[in-house]
Amino acid sequence: MPGDTCCDAVLLISELTTNAVLHTGTGQVLCGLTLTGDGKRLRIELHDEDSAPVRPPEREAGPDDESGRGLLLVRQLAESWGSTRSTRAGGKVVWAELTAHP
């Protein structure tokens, strides 16, 4: 994957992990990465044990807020993203997908 795509992936993993740790109140988060056969599409998954609603709430951060921009970054960087119930962790999985562009 090109360097820009890798940087975006690292930031997405960081934001999704931070959100899971800060907002779920669970002690364990499982991260999964899947690269397609052609090596051009990366799927990032963060599984948690939280039984809260599947779709994480989005909010708008004010200009002076020091937090609250995680999902905004996810929306801007990912080609697609979403969430569903996790069969691995018993809570939910929040996922994001990137496509490598040359």
PDB file of N, CA and C in Angstrom:
ATOM      1  N   MET A   1       0.846  -1.180   0.000  1.00  0.00           N
ATOM      2  CA  MET A   1       0.000   0.000   0.000  1.00  0.00           C
ATOM      3  C   MET A   1       0.888   1.238   0.000  1.00  0.00           C
ATOM      4  N   PRO A   2       0.464   2.272  -0.720  1.00  0.00           N
ATOM      5  CA  PRO A   2       1.231   3.516  -0.745  1.00  0.00           C
ATOM      6  C   PRO A   2       1.310   4.157   0.639  1.00  0.00           C
ATOM      7  N   GLY A   3       2.334   4.970   0.830  1.00  0.00           N
ATOM      8  CA  GLY A   3       2.575   5.605   2.122  1.00  0.00           C
ATOM      9  C   GLY A   3       1.412   6.428   2.640  1.00  0.00           C
ATOM     10  N   ASP A   4       0.757   7.200   1.758  1.00  0.00           N
ATOM     11  CA  ASP A   4      -0.379   8.017   2.199  1.00  0.00           C
ATOM     12  C   ASP A   4      -1.511   7.149   2.734  1.00  0.00           C
ATOM     13  N   THR A   5      -1.762   6.043   2.069  1.00  0.00           N
ATOM     14  CA  THR A   5      -2.823   5.133   2.511  1.00  0.00           C
ATOM     15  C   THR A   5      -2.460   4.516   3.857  1.00  0.00           C
ATOM     16  N   CYS A   6      -1.192   4.160   4.041  1.00  0.00           N
ATOM     17  CA  CYS A   6      -0.745   3.595   5.321  1.00  0.00           C
ATOM     18  C   CYS A   6      -0.907   4.613   6.450  1.00  0.00           C
ATOM     19  N   CYS A   7      -0.569   5.873   6.183  1.00  0.00           N
ATOM     20  CA  CYS A   7      -0.735   6.926   7.193  1.00  0.00           C
ATOM     21  C   CYS A   7      -2.207   7.096   7.559  1.00  0.00           C
ATOM     22  N   ASP A   8      -3.075   7.077   6.561  1.00  0.00           N
ATOM     23  CA  ASP A   8      -4.516   7.168   6.821  1.00  0.00           C
ATOM     24  C   ASP A   8      -4.991   5.973   7.640  1.00  0.00           C
ATOM     25  N   ALA A   9      -4.483   4.788   7.329  1.00  0.00           N
ATOM     26  CA  ALA A   9      -4.873   3.578   8.061  1.00  0.00           C
ATOM     27  C   ALA A   9      -4.448   3.670   9.523  1.00  0.00           C
ATOM     28  N   VAL A  10      -3.238   4.139   9.774  1.00  0.00           N
ATOM     29  CA  VAL A  10      -2.751   4.274  11.151  1.00  0.00           C
ATOM     30  C   VAL A  10      -3.627   5.258  11.927  1.00  0.00           C
ATOM     31  N   LEU A  11      -3.981   6.370  11.304  1.00  0.00           N
ATOM     32  CA  LEU A  11      -4.837   7.352  11.973  1.00  0.00           C
ATOM     33  C   LEU A  11      -6.235   6.779  12.233  1.00  0.00           C
ATOM     34  N   LEU A  12      -6.792   6.047  11.275  1.00  0.00           N
ATOM     35  CA  LEU A  12      -8.100   5.417  11.482  1.00  0.00           C
ATOM     36  C   LEU A  12      -8.056   4.411  12.631  1.00  0.00           C
ATOM     37  N   ILE A  13      -7.020   3.588  12.661  1.00  0.00           N
ATOM     38  CA  ILE A  13      -6.882   2.609  13.748  1.00  0.00           C
ATOM     39  C   ILE A  13      -6.796   3.330  15.087  1.00  0.00           C
ATOM     40  N   SER A  14      -6.008   4.391  15.146  1.00  0.00           N
ATOM     41  CA  SER A  14      -5.857   5.160  16.382  1.00  0.00           C
ATOM     42  C   SER A  14      -7.186   5.764  16.835  1.00  0.00           C
ATOM     43  N   GLU A  15      -7.906   6.385  15.925  1.00  0.00           N
ATOM     44  CA  GLU A  15      -9.175   7.026  16.285  1.00  0.00           C
ATOM     45  C   GLU A  15     -10.227   6.004  16.705  1.00  0.00           C
ATOM     46  N   LEU A  16     -10.346   4.913  15.961  1.00  0.00           N
ATOM     47  CA  LEU A  16     -11.339   3.890  16.306  1.00  0.00           C
ATOM     48  C   LEU A  16     -11.004   3.221  17.637  1.00  0.00           C
ATOM     49  N   THR A  17      -9.718   2.964  17.875  1.00  0.00           N
ATOM     50  CA  THR A  17      -9.299   2.355  19.140  1.00  0.00           C
ATOM     51  C   THR A  17      -9.559   3.301  20.302  1.00  0.00           C
ATOM     52  N   THR A  18      -9.178   4.556  20.135  1.00  0.00           N
ATOM     53  CA  THR A  18      -9.407   5.548  21.190  1.00  0.00           C
ATOM     54  C   THR A  18     -10.891   5.647  21.521  1.00  0.00           C
ATOM     55  N   ASN A  19     -11.737   5.715  20.505  1.00  0.00           N
ATOM     56  CA  ASN A  19     -13.181   5.776  20.744  1.00  0.00           C
ATOM     57  C   ASN A  19     -13.667   4.549  21.498  1.00  0.00           C
ATOM     58  N   ALA A  20     -13.204   3.379  21.104  1.00  0.00           N
ATOM     59  CA  ALA A  20     -13.639   2.145  21.767  1.00  0.00           C
ATOM     60  C   ALA A  20     -13.221   2.133  23.234  1.00  0.00           C
ATOM     61  N   VAL A  21     -11.990   2.529  23.505  1.00  0.00           N
ATOM     62  CA  VAL A  21     -11.490   2.515  24.882  1.00  0.00           C
ATOM     63  C   VAL A  21     -12.202   3.569  25.736  1.00  0.00           C
ATOM     64  N   LEU A  22     -12.358   4.774  25.200  1.00  0.00           N
ATOM     65  CA  LEU A  22     -12.951   5.866  25.979  1.00  0.00           C
ATOM     66  C   LEU A  22     -14.455   5.737  26.175  1.00  0.00           C
ATOM     67  N   HIS A  23     -15.160   5.221  25.197  1.00  0.00           N
ATOM     68  CA  HIS A  23     -16.619   5.310  25.227  1.00  0.00           C
ATOM     69  C   HIS A  23     -17.360   4.007  25.508  1.00  0.00           C
ATOM     70  N   THR A  24     -16.675   2.887  25.557  1.00  0.00           N
ATOM     71  CA  THR A  24     -17.407   1.638  25.782  1.00  0.00           C
ATOM     72  C   THR A  24     -17.378   1.181  27.229  1.00  0.00           C
ATOM     73  N   GLY A  25     -16.367   1.561  27.980  1.00  0.00           N
ATOM     74  CA  GLY A  25     -16.270   1.122  29.359  1.00  0.00           C
ATOM     75  C   GLY A  25     -15.926  -0.346  29.496  1.00  0.00           C
ATOM     76  N   THR A  26     -15.483  -0.957  28.419  1.00  0.00           N
ATOM     77  CA  THR A  26     -15.094  -2.364  28.476  1.00  0.00           C
ATOM     78  C   THR A  26     -13.574  -2.460  28.552  1.00  0.00           C
ATOM     79  N   GLY A  27     -13.096  -3.573  28.994  1.00  0.00           N
ATOM     80  CA  GLY A  27     -11.665  -3.726  29.193  1.00  0.00           C
ATOM     81  C   GLY A  27     -10.912  -4.310  28.025  1.00  0.00           C
ATOM     82  N   GLN A  28     -11.598  -4.691  26.981  1.00  0.00           N
ATOM     83  CA  GLN A  28     -10.915  -5.366  25.885  1.00  0.00           C
ATOM     84  C   GLN A  28     -11.439  -4.881  24.539  1.00  0.00           C
ATOM     85  N   VAL A  29     -10.493  -4.633  23.629  1.00  0.00           N
ATOM     86  CA  VAL A  29     -10.815  -4.238  22.260  1.00  0.00           C
ATOM     87  C   VAL A  29      -9.993  -5.121  21.340  1.00  0.00           C
ATOM     88  N   LEU A  30     -10.628  -5.660  20.319  1.00  0.00           N
ATOM     89  CA  LEU A  30      -9.953  -6.522  19.352  1.00  0.00           C
ATOM     90  C   LEU A  30      -9.887  -5.795  18.018  1.00  0.00           C
ATOM     91  N   CYS A  31      -8.686  -5.684  17.463  1.00  0.00           N
ATOM     92  CA  CYS A  31      -8.496  -5.006  16.181  1.00  0.00           C
ATOM     93  C   CYS A  31      -8.207  -6.043  15.109  1.00  0.00           C
ATOM     94  N   GLY A  32      -8.898  -5.916  13.982  1.00  0.00           N
ATOM     95  CA  GLY A  32      -8.661  -6.808  12.851  1.00  0.00           C
ATOM     96  C   GLY A  32      -8.388  -6.007  11.593  1.00  0.00           C
ATOM     97  N   LEU A  33      -7.440  -6.467  10.800  1.00  0.00           N
ATOM     98  CA  LEU A  33      -7.106  -5.838   9.522  1.00  0.00           C
ATOM     99  C   LEU A  33      -7.212  -6.890   8.438  1.00  0.00           C
ATOM    100  N   THR A  34      -7.885  -6.560   7.349  1.00  0.00           N
ATOM    101  CA  THR A  34      -8.016  -7.477   6.226  1.00  0.00           C
ATOM    102  C   THR A  34      -7.634  -6.736   4.954  1.00  0.00           C
ATOM    103  N   LEU A  35      -6.712  -7.321   4.202  1.00  0.00           N
ATOM    104  CA  LEU A  35      -6.293  -6.768   2.919  1.00  0.00           C
ATOM    105  C   LEU A  35      -6.848  -7.663   1.828  1.00  0.00           C
ATOM    106  N   THR A  36      -7.484  -7.076   0.820  1.00  0.00           N
ATOM    107  CA  THR A  36      -8.066  -7.879  -0.254  1.00  0.00           C
ATOM    108  C   THR A  36      -6.978  -8.565  -1.064  1.00  0.00           C
ATOM    109  N   GLY A  37      -7.395  -9.549  -1.841  1.00  0.00           N
ATOM    110  CA  GLY A  37      -6.459 -10.328  -2.650  1.00  0.00           C
ATOM    111  C   GLY A  37      -5.621  -9.500  -3.596  1.00  0.00           C
ATOM    112  N   ASP A  38      -6.187  -8.405  -4.120  1.00  0.00           N
ATOM    113  CA  ASP A  38      -5.400  -7.576  -5.031  1.00  0.00           C
ATOM    114  C   ASP A  38      -4.546  -6.561  -4.277  1.00  0.00           C
ATOM    115  N   GLY A  39      -4.668  -6.525  -2.951  1.00  0.00           N
ATOM    116  CA  GLY A  39      -3.845  -5.652  -2.127  1.00  0.00           C
ATOM    117  C   GLY A  39      -4.203  -4.180  -2.199  1.00  0.00           C
ATOM    118  N   LYS A  40      -5.369  -3.856  -2.728  1.00  0.00           N
ATOM    119  CA  LYS A  40      -5.729  -2.448  -2.895  1.00  0.00           C
ATOM    120  C   LYS A  40      -6.782  -1.951  -1.908  1.00  0.00           C
ATOM    121  N   ARG A  41      -7.417  -2.854  -1.197  1.00  0.00           N
ATOM    122  CA  ARG A  41      -8.479  -2.439  -0.270  1.00  0.00           C
ATOM    123  C   ARG A  41      -8.181  -3.001   1.113  1.00  0.00           C
ATOM    124  N   LEU A  42      -8.214  -2.120   2.109  1.00  0.00           N
ATOM    125  CA  LEU A  42      -7.946  -2.490   3.490  1.00  0.00           C
ATOM    126  C   LEU A  42      -9.205  -2.268   4.315  1.00  0.00           C
ATOM    127  N   ARG A  43      -9.583  -3.289   5.090  1.00  0.00           N
ATOM    128  CA  ARG A  43     -10.721  -3.171   6.020  1.00  0.00           C
ATOM    129  C   ARG A  43     -10.163  -3.217   7.436  1.00  0.00           C
ATOM    130  N   ILE A  44     -10.519  -2.221   8.219  1.00  0.00           N
ATOM    131  CA  ILE A  44     -10.105  -2.114   9.616  1.00  0.00           C
ATOM    132  C   ILE A  44     -11.342  -2.383  10.462  1.00  0.00           C
ATOM    133  N   GLU A  45     -11.223  -3.272  11.448  1.00  0.00           N
ATOM    134  CA  GLU A  45     -12.351  -3.575  12.337  1.00  0.00           C
ATOM    135  C   GLU A  45     -11.910  -3.444  13.784  1.00  0.00           C
ATOM    136  N   LEU A  46     -12.737  -2.795  14.600  1.00  0.00           N
ATOM    137  CA  LEU A  46     -12.508  -2.704  16.034  1.00  0.00           C
ATOM    138  C   LEU A  46     -13.705  -3.323  16.732  1.00  0.00           C
ATOM    139  N   HIS A  47     -13.483  -4.445  17.400  1.00  0.00           N
ATOM    140  CA  HIS A  47     -14.541  -5.163  18.116  1.00  0.00           C
ATOM    141  C   HIS A  47     -14.462  -4.787  19.596  1.00  0.00           C
ATOM    142  N   ASP A  48     -15.614  -4.541  20.221  1.00  0.00           N
ATOM    143  CA  ASP A  48     -15.638  -4.271  21.655  1.00  0.00           C
ATOM    144  C   ASP A  48     -16.709  -5.138  22.313  1.00  0.00           C
ATOM    145  N   GLU A  49     -16.784  -5.050  23.634  1.00  0.00           N
ATOM    146  CA  GLU A  49     -17.737  -5.855  24.396  1.00  0.00           C
ATOM    147  C   GLU A  49     -18.951  -5.043  24.842  1.00  0.00           C
ATOM    148  N   ASP A  50     -19.093  -3.837  24.344  1.00  0.00           N
ATOM    149  CA  ASP A  50     -20.142  -2.922  24.774  1.00  0.00           C
ATOM    150  C   ASP A  50     -21.488  -3.291  24.161  1.00  0.00           C
ATOM    151  N   SER A  51     -22.531  -3.271  24.973  1.00  0.00           N
ATOM    152  CA  SER A  51     -23.863  -3.621  24.481  1.00  0.00           C
ATOM    153  C   SER A  51     -24.676  -2.386  24.078  1.00  0.00           C
ATOM    154  N   ALA A  52     -24.040  -1.229  24.044  1.00  0.00           N
ATOM    155  CA  ALA A  52     -24.721   0.015  23.645  1.00  0.00           C
ATOM    156  C   ALA A  52     -25.164  -0.076  22.191  1.00  0.00           C
ATOM    157  N   PRO A  53     -25.941   0.896  21.730  1.00  0.00           N
ATOM    158  CA  PRO A  53     -26.393   0.866  20.331  1.00  0.00           C
ATOM    159  C   PRO A  53     -25.245   0.651  19.353  1.00  0.00           C
ATOM    160  N   VAL A  54     -25.562  -0.024  18.272  1.00  0.00           N
ATOM    161  CA  VAL A  54     -24.537  -0.398  17.303  1.00  0.00           C
ATOM    162  C   VAL A  54     -23.888   0.821  16.660  1.00  0.00           C
ATOM    163  N   ARG A  55     -24.655   1.804  16.276  1.00  0.00           N
ATOM    164  CA  ARG A  55     -24.094   2.982  15.600  1.00  0.00           C
ATOM    165  C   ARG A  55     -23.562   3.960  16.644  1.00  0.00           C
ATOM    166  N   PRO A  56     -22.254   4.240  16.637  1.00  0.00           N
ATOM    167  CA  PRO A  56     -21.714   5.209  17.592  1.00  0.00           C
ATOM    168  C   PRO A  56     -22.344   6.585  17.355  1.00  0.00           C
ATOM    169  N   PRO A  57     -22.667   7.285  18.431  1.00  0.00           N
ATOM    170  CA  PRO A  57     -23.258   8.614  18.253  1.00  0.00           C
ATOM    171  C   PRO A  57     -22.232   9.600  17.698  1.00  0.00           C
ATOM    172  N   GLU A  58     -22.668  10.417  16.764  1.00  0.00           N
ATOM    173  CA  GLU A  58     -21.783  11.440  16.215  1.00  0.00           C
ATOM    174  C   GLU A  58     -22.161  12.776  16.829  1.00  0.00           C
ATOM    175  N   ARG A  59     -21.150  13.585  17.103  1.00  0.00           N
ATOM    176  CA  ARG A  59     -21.421  14.912  17.628  1.00  0.00           C
ATOM    177  C   ARG A  59     -20.500  15.896  16.933  1.00  0.00           C
ATOM    178  N   GLU A  60     -20.847  17.144  17.034  1.00  0.00           N
ATOM    179  CA  GLU A  60     -20.037  18.172  16.412  1.00  0.00           C
ATOM    180  C   GLU A  60     -19.188  18.830  17.486  1.00  0.00           C
ATOM    181  N   ALA A  61     -17.870  18.790  17.322  1.00  0.00           N
ATOM    182  CA  ALA A  61     -16.966  19.415  18.278  1.00  0.00           C
ATOM    183  C   ALA A  61     -16.897  20.910  18.014  1.00  0.00           C
ATOM    184  N   GLY A  62     -16.856  21.677  19.089  1.00  0.00           N
ATOM    185  CA  GLY A  62     -16.697  23.120  18.962  1.00  0.00           C
ATOM    186  C   GLY A  62     -15.252  23.470  18.637  1.00  0.00           C
ATOM    187  N   PRO A  63     -14.999  24.694  18.208  1.00  0.00           N
ATOM    188  CA  PRO A  63     -13.646  25.085  17.809  1.00  0.00           C
ATOM    189  C   PRO A  63     -12.625  25.011  18.939  1.00  0.00           C
ATOM    190  N   ASP A  64     -13.072  25.117  20.191  1.00  0.00           N
ATOM    191  CA  ASP A  64     -12.143  25.070  21.318  1.00  0.00           C
ATOM    192  C   ASP A  64     -12.113  23.710  22.011  1.00  0.00           C
ATOM    193  N   ASP A  65     -12.934  22.772  21.561  1.00  0.00           N
ATOM    194  CA  ASP A  65     -12.956  21.432  22.165  1.00  0.00           C
ATOM    195  C   ASP A  65     -11.654  20.706  21.875  1.00  0.00           C
ATOM    196  N   GLU A  66     -11.168  19.973  22.879  1.00  0.00           N
ATOM    197  CA  GLU A  66      -9.933  19.209  22.710  1.00  0.00           C
ATOM    198  C   GLU A  66     -10.202  17.781  22.266  1.00  0.00           C
ATOM    199  N   SER A  67     -11.451  17.408  22.167  1.00  0.00           N
ATOM    200  CA  SER A  67     -11.799  16.060  21.717  1.00  0.00           C
ATOM    201  C   SER A  67     -13.108  16.142  20.947  1.00  0.00           C
ATOM    202  N   GLY A  68     -13.561  14.994  20.442  1.00  0.00           N
ATOM    203  CA  GLY A  68     -14.840  14.951  19.760  1.00  0.00           C
ATOM    204  C   GLY A  68     -14.756  14.965  18.249  1.00  0.00           C
ATOM    205  N   ARG A  69     -13.552  14.768  17.721  1.00  0.00           N
ATOM    206  CA  ARG A  69     -13.394  14.789  16.265  1.00  0.00           C
ATOM    207  C   ARG A  69     -13.078  13.416  15.671  1.00  0.00           C
ATOM    208  N   GLY A  70     -13.115  12.383  16.483  1.00  0.00           N
ATOM    209  CA  GLY A  70     -12.731  11.052  16.023  1.00  0.00           C
ATOM    210  C   GLY A  70     -13.551  10.549  14.852  1.00  0.00           C
ATOM    211  N   LEU A  71     -14.873  10.563  14.982  1.00  0.00           N
ATOM    212  CA  LEU A  71     -15.713  10.053  13.897  1.00  0.00           C
ATOM    213  C   LEU A  71     -15.721  10.987  12.695  1.00  0.00           C
ATOM    214  N   LEU A  72     -15.483  12.276  12.928  1.00  0.00           N
ATOM    215  CA  LEU A  72     -15.333  13.204  11.805  1.00  0.00           C
ATOM    216  C   LEU A  72     -14.120  12.801  10.971  1.00  0.00           C
ATOM    217  N   LEU A  73     -13.011  12.490  11.640  1.00  0.00           N
ATOM    218  CA  LEU A  73     -11.819  12.024  10.920  1.00  0.00           C
ATOM    219  C   LEU A  73     -12.092  10.713  10.195  1.00  0.00           C
ATOM    220  N   VAL A  74     -12.797   9.810  10.851  1.00  0.00           N
ATOM    221  CA  VAL A  74     -13.126   8.529  10.220  1.00  0.00           C
ATOM    222  C   VAL A  74     -13.948   8.772   8.954  1.00  0.00           C
ATOM    223  N   ARG A  75     -14.960   9.633   9.048  1.00  0.00           N
ATOM    224  CA  ARG A  75     -15.790   9.943   7.869  1.00  0.00           C
ATOM    225  C   ARG A  75     -14.966  10.546   6.736  1.00  0.00           C
ATOM    226  N   GLN A  76     -14.002  11.390   7.075  1.00  0.00           N
ATOM    227  CA  GLN A  76     -13.206  12.068   6.052  1.00  0.00           C
ATOM    228  C   GLN A  76     -12.169  11.147   5.409  1.00  0.00           C
ATOM    229  N   LEU A  77     -11.574  10.247   6.192  1.00  0.00           N
ATOM    230  CA  LEU A  77     -10.477   9.416   5.684  1.00  0.00           C
ATOM    231  C   LEU A  77     -10.940   8.118   5.038  1.00  0.00           C
ATOM    232  N   ALA A  78     -11.993   7.524   5.570  1.00  0.00           N
ATOM    233  CA  ALA A  78     -12.431   6.214   5.081  1.00  0.00           C
ATOM    234  C   ALA A  78     -13.292   6.364   3.832  1.00  0.00           C
ATOM    235  N   GLU A  79     -13.133   5.423   2.934  1.00  0.00           N
ATOM    236  CA  GLU A  79     -14.011   5.382   1.756  1.00  0.00           C
ATOM    237  C   GLU A  79     -15.425   4.991   2.177  1.00  0.00           C
ATOM    238  N   SER A  80     -15.505   4.100   3.156  1.00  0.00           N
ATOM    239  CA  SER A  80     -16.785   3.726   3.753  1.00  0.00           C
ATOM    240  C   SER A  80     -16.516   3.302   5.192  1.00  0.00           C
ATOM    241  N   TRP A  81     -17.543   3.385   6.038  1.00  0.00           N
ATOM    242  CA  TRP A  81     -17.417   2.937   7.421  1.00  0.00           C
ATOM    243  C   TRP A  81     -18.808   2.651   7.968  1.00  0.00           C
ATOM    244  N   GLY A  82     -18.845   1.921   9.064  1.00  0.00           N
ATOM    245  CA  GLY A  82     -20.120   1.586   9.661  1.00  0.00           C
ATOM    246  C   GLY A  82     -19.920   0.759  10.914  1.00  0.00           C
ATOM    247  N   SER A  83     -20.988   0.159  11.387  1.00  0.00           N
ATOM    248  CA  SER A  83     -20.906  -0.678  12.577  1.00  0.00           C
ATOM    249  C   SER A  83     -22.025  -1.707  12.550  1.00  0.00           C
ATOM    250  N   THR A  84     -21.792  -2.772  13.278  1.00  0.00           N
ATOM    251  CA  THR A  84     -22.764  -3.855  13.378  1.00  0.00           C
ATOM    252  C   THR A  84     -22.461  -4.631  14.657  1.00  0.00           C
ATOM    253  N   ARG A  85     -23.276  -5.580  14.984  1.00  0.00           N
ATOM    254  CA  ARG A  85     -23.004  -6.442  16.138  1.00  0.00           C
ATOM    255  C   ARG A  85     -21.784  -7.310  15.862  1.00  0.00           C
ATOM    256  N   SER A  86     -20.974  -7.511  16.890  1.00  0.00           N
ATOM    257  CA  SER A  86     -19.770  -8.331  16.760  1.00  0.00           C
ATOM    258  C   SER A  86     -20.054  -9.751  17.224  1.00  0.00           C
ATOM    259  N   THR A  87     -19.731 -10.715  16.387  1.00  0.00           N
ATOM    260  CA  THR A  87     -19.853 -12.113  16.795  1.00  0.00           C
ATOM    261  C   THR A  87     -18.608 -12.559  17.550  1.00  0.00           C
ATOM    262  N   ARG A  88     -17.546 -11.794  17.472  1.00  0.00           N
ATOM    263  CA  ARG A  88     -16.291 -12.155  18.150  1.00  0.00           C
ATOM    264  C   ARG A  88     -16.244 -11.681  19.594  1.00  0.00           C
ATOM    265  N   ALA A  89     -16.711 -10.454  19.851  1.00  0.00           N
ATOM    266  CA  ALA A  89     -16.549  -9.881  21.185  1.00  0.00           C
ATOM    267  C   ALA A  89     -17.861  -9.754  21.953  1.00  0.00           C
ATOM    268  N   GLY A  90     -18.991 -10.012  21.297  1.00  0.00           N
ATOM    269  CA  GLY A  90     -20.270  -9.930  21.972  1.00  0.00           C
ATOM    270  C   GLY A  90     -20.855  -8.532  22.055  1.00  0.00           C
ATOM    271  N   GLY A  91     -20.125  -7.542  21.582  1.00  0.00           N
ATOM    272  CA  GLY A  91     -20.616  -6.164  21.577  1.00  0.00           C
ATOM    273  C   GLY A  91     -20.867  -5.720  20.151  1.00  0.00           C
ATOM    274  N   LYS A  92     -20.078  -4.755  19.717  1.00  0.00           N
ATOM    275  CA  LYS A  92     -20.224  -4.271  18.343  1.00  0.00           C
ATOM    276  C   LYS A  92     -18.864  -4.228  17.666  1.00  0.00           C
ATOM    277  N   VAL A  93     -18.903  -4.101  16.360  1.00  0.00           N
ATOM    278  CA  VAL A  93     -17.690  -3.891  15.574  1.00  0.00           C
ATOM    279  C   VAL A  93     -17.905  -2.616  14.769  1.00  0.00           C
ATOM    280  N   VAL A  94     -16.944  -1.705  14.882  1.00  0.00           N
ATOM    281  CA  VAL A  94     -16.937  -0.498  14.060  1.00  0.00           C
ATOM    282  C   VAL A  94     -15.847  -0.725  13.018  1.00  0.00           C
ATOM    283  N   TRP A  95     -16.188  -0.520  11.751  1.00  0.00           N
ATOM    284  CA  TRP A  95     -15.251  -0.831  10.673  1.00  0.00           C
ATOM    285  C   TRP A  95     -15.081   0.378   9.754  1.00  0.00           C
ATOM    286  N   ALA A  96     -13.944   0.395   9.084  1.00  0.00           N
ATOM    287  CA  ALA A  96     -13.661   1.430   8.084  1.00  0.00           C
ATOM    288  C   ALA A  96     -12.879   0.778   6.955  1.00  0.00           C
ATOM    289  N   GLU A  97     -13.101   1.248   5.735  1.00  0.00           N
ATOM    290  CA  GLU A  97     -12.399   0.695   4.573  1.00  0.00           C
ATOM    291  C   GLU A  97     -11.690   1.800   3.799  1.00  0.00           C
ATOM    292  N   LEU A  98     -10.502   1.454   3.341  1.00  0.00           N
ATOM    293  CA  LEU A  98      -9.665   2.342   2.535  1.00  0.00           C
ATOM    294  C   LEU A  98      -9.301   1.642   1.245  1.00  0.00           C
ATOM    295  N   THR A  99      -9.177   2.396   0.187  1.00  0.00           N
ATOM    296  CA  THR A  99      -8.661   1.870  -1.071  1.00  0.00           C
ATOM    297  C   THR A  99      -7.363   2.584  -1.376  1.00  0.00           C
ATOM    298  N   ALA A 100      -6.335   1.818  -1.713  1.00  0.00           N
ATOM    299  CA  ALA A 100      -5.032   2.403  -2.060  1.00  0.00           C
ATOM    300  C   ALA A 100      -5.114   3.043  -3.431  1.00  0.00           C
ATOM    301  N   HIS A 101      -4.672   4.269  -3.503  1.00  0.00           N
ATOM    302  CA  HIS A 101      -4.613   4.981  -4.779  1.00  0.00           C
ATOM    303  C   HIS A 101      -3.153   5.243  -5.109  1.00  0.00           C
ATOM    304  N   PRO A 102      -2.740   4.910  -6.331  1.00  0.00           N
ATOM    305  CA  PRO A 102      -1.319   5.076  -6.689  1.00  0.00           C
ATOM    306  C   PRO A 102      -0.862   6.521  -6.639  1.00  0.00           C
TER     307      PRO A 102
END
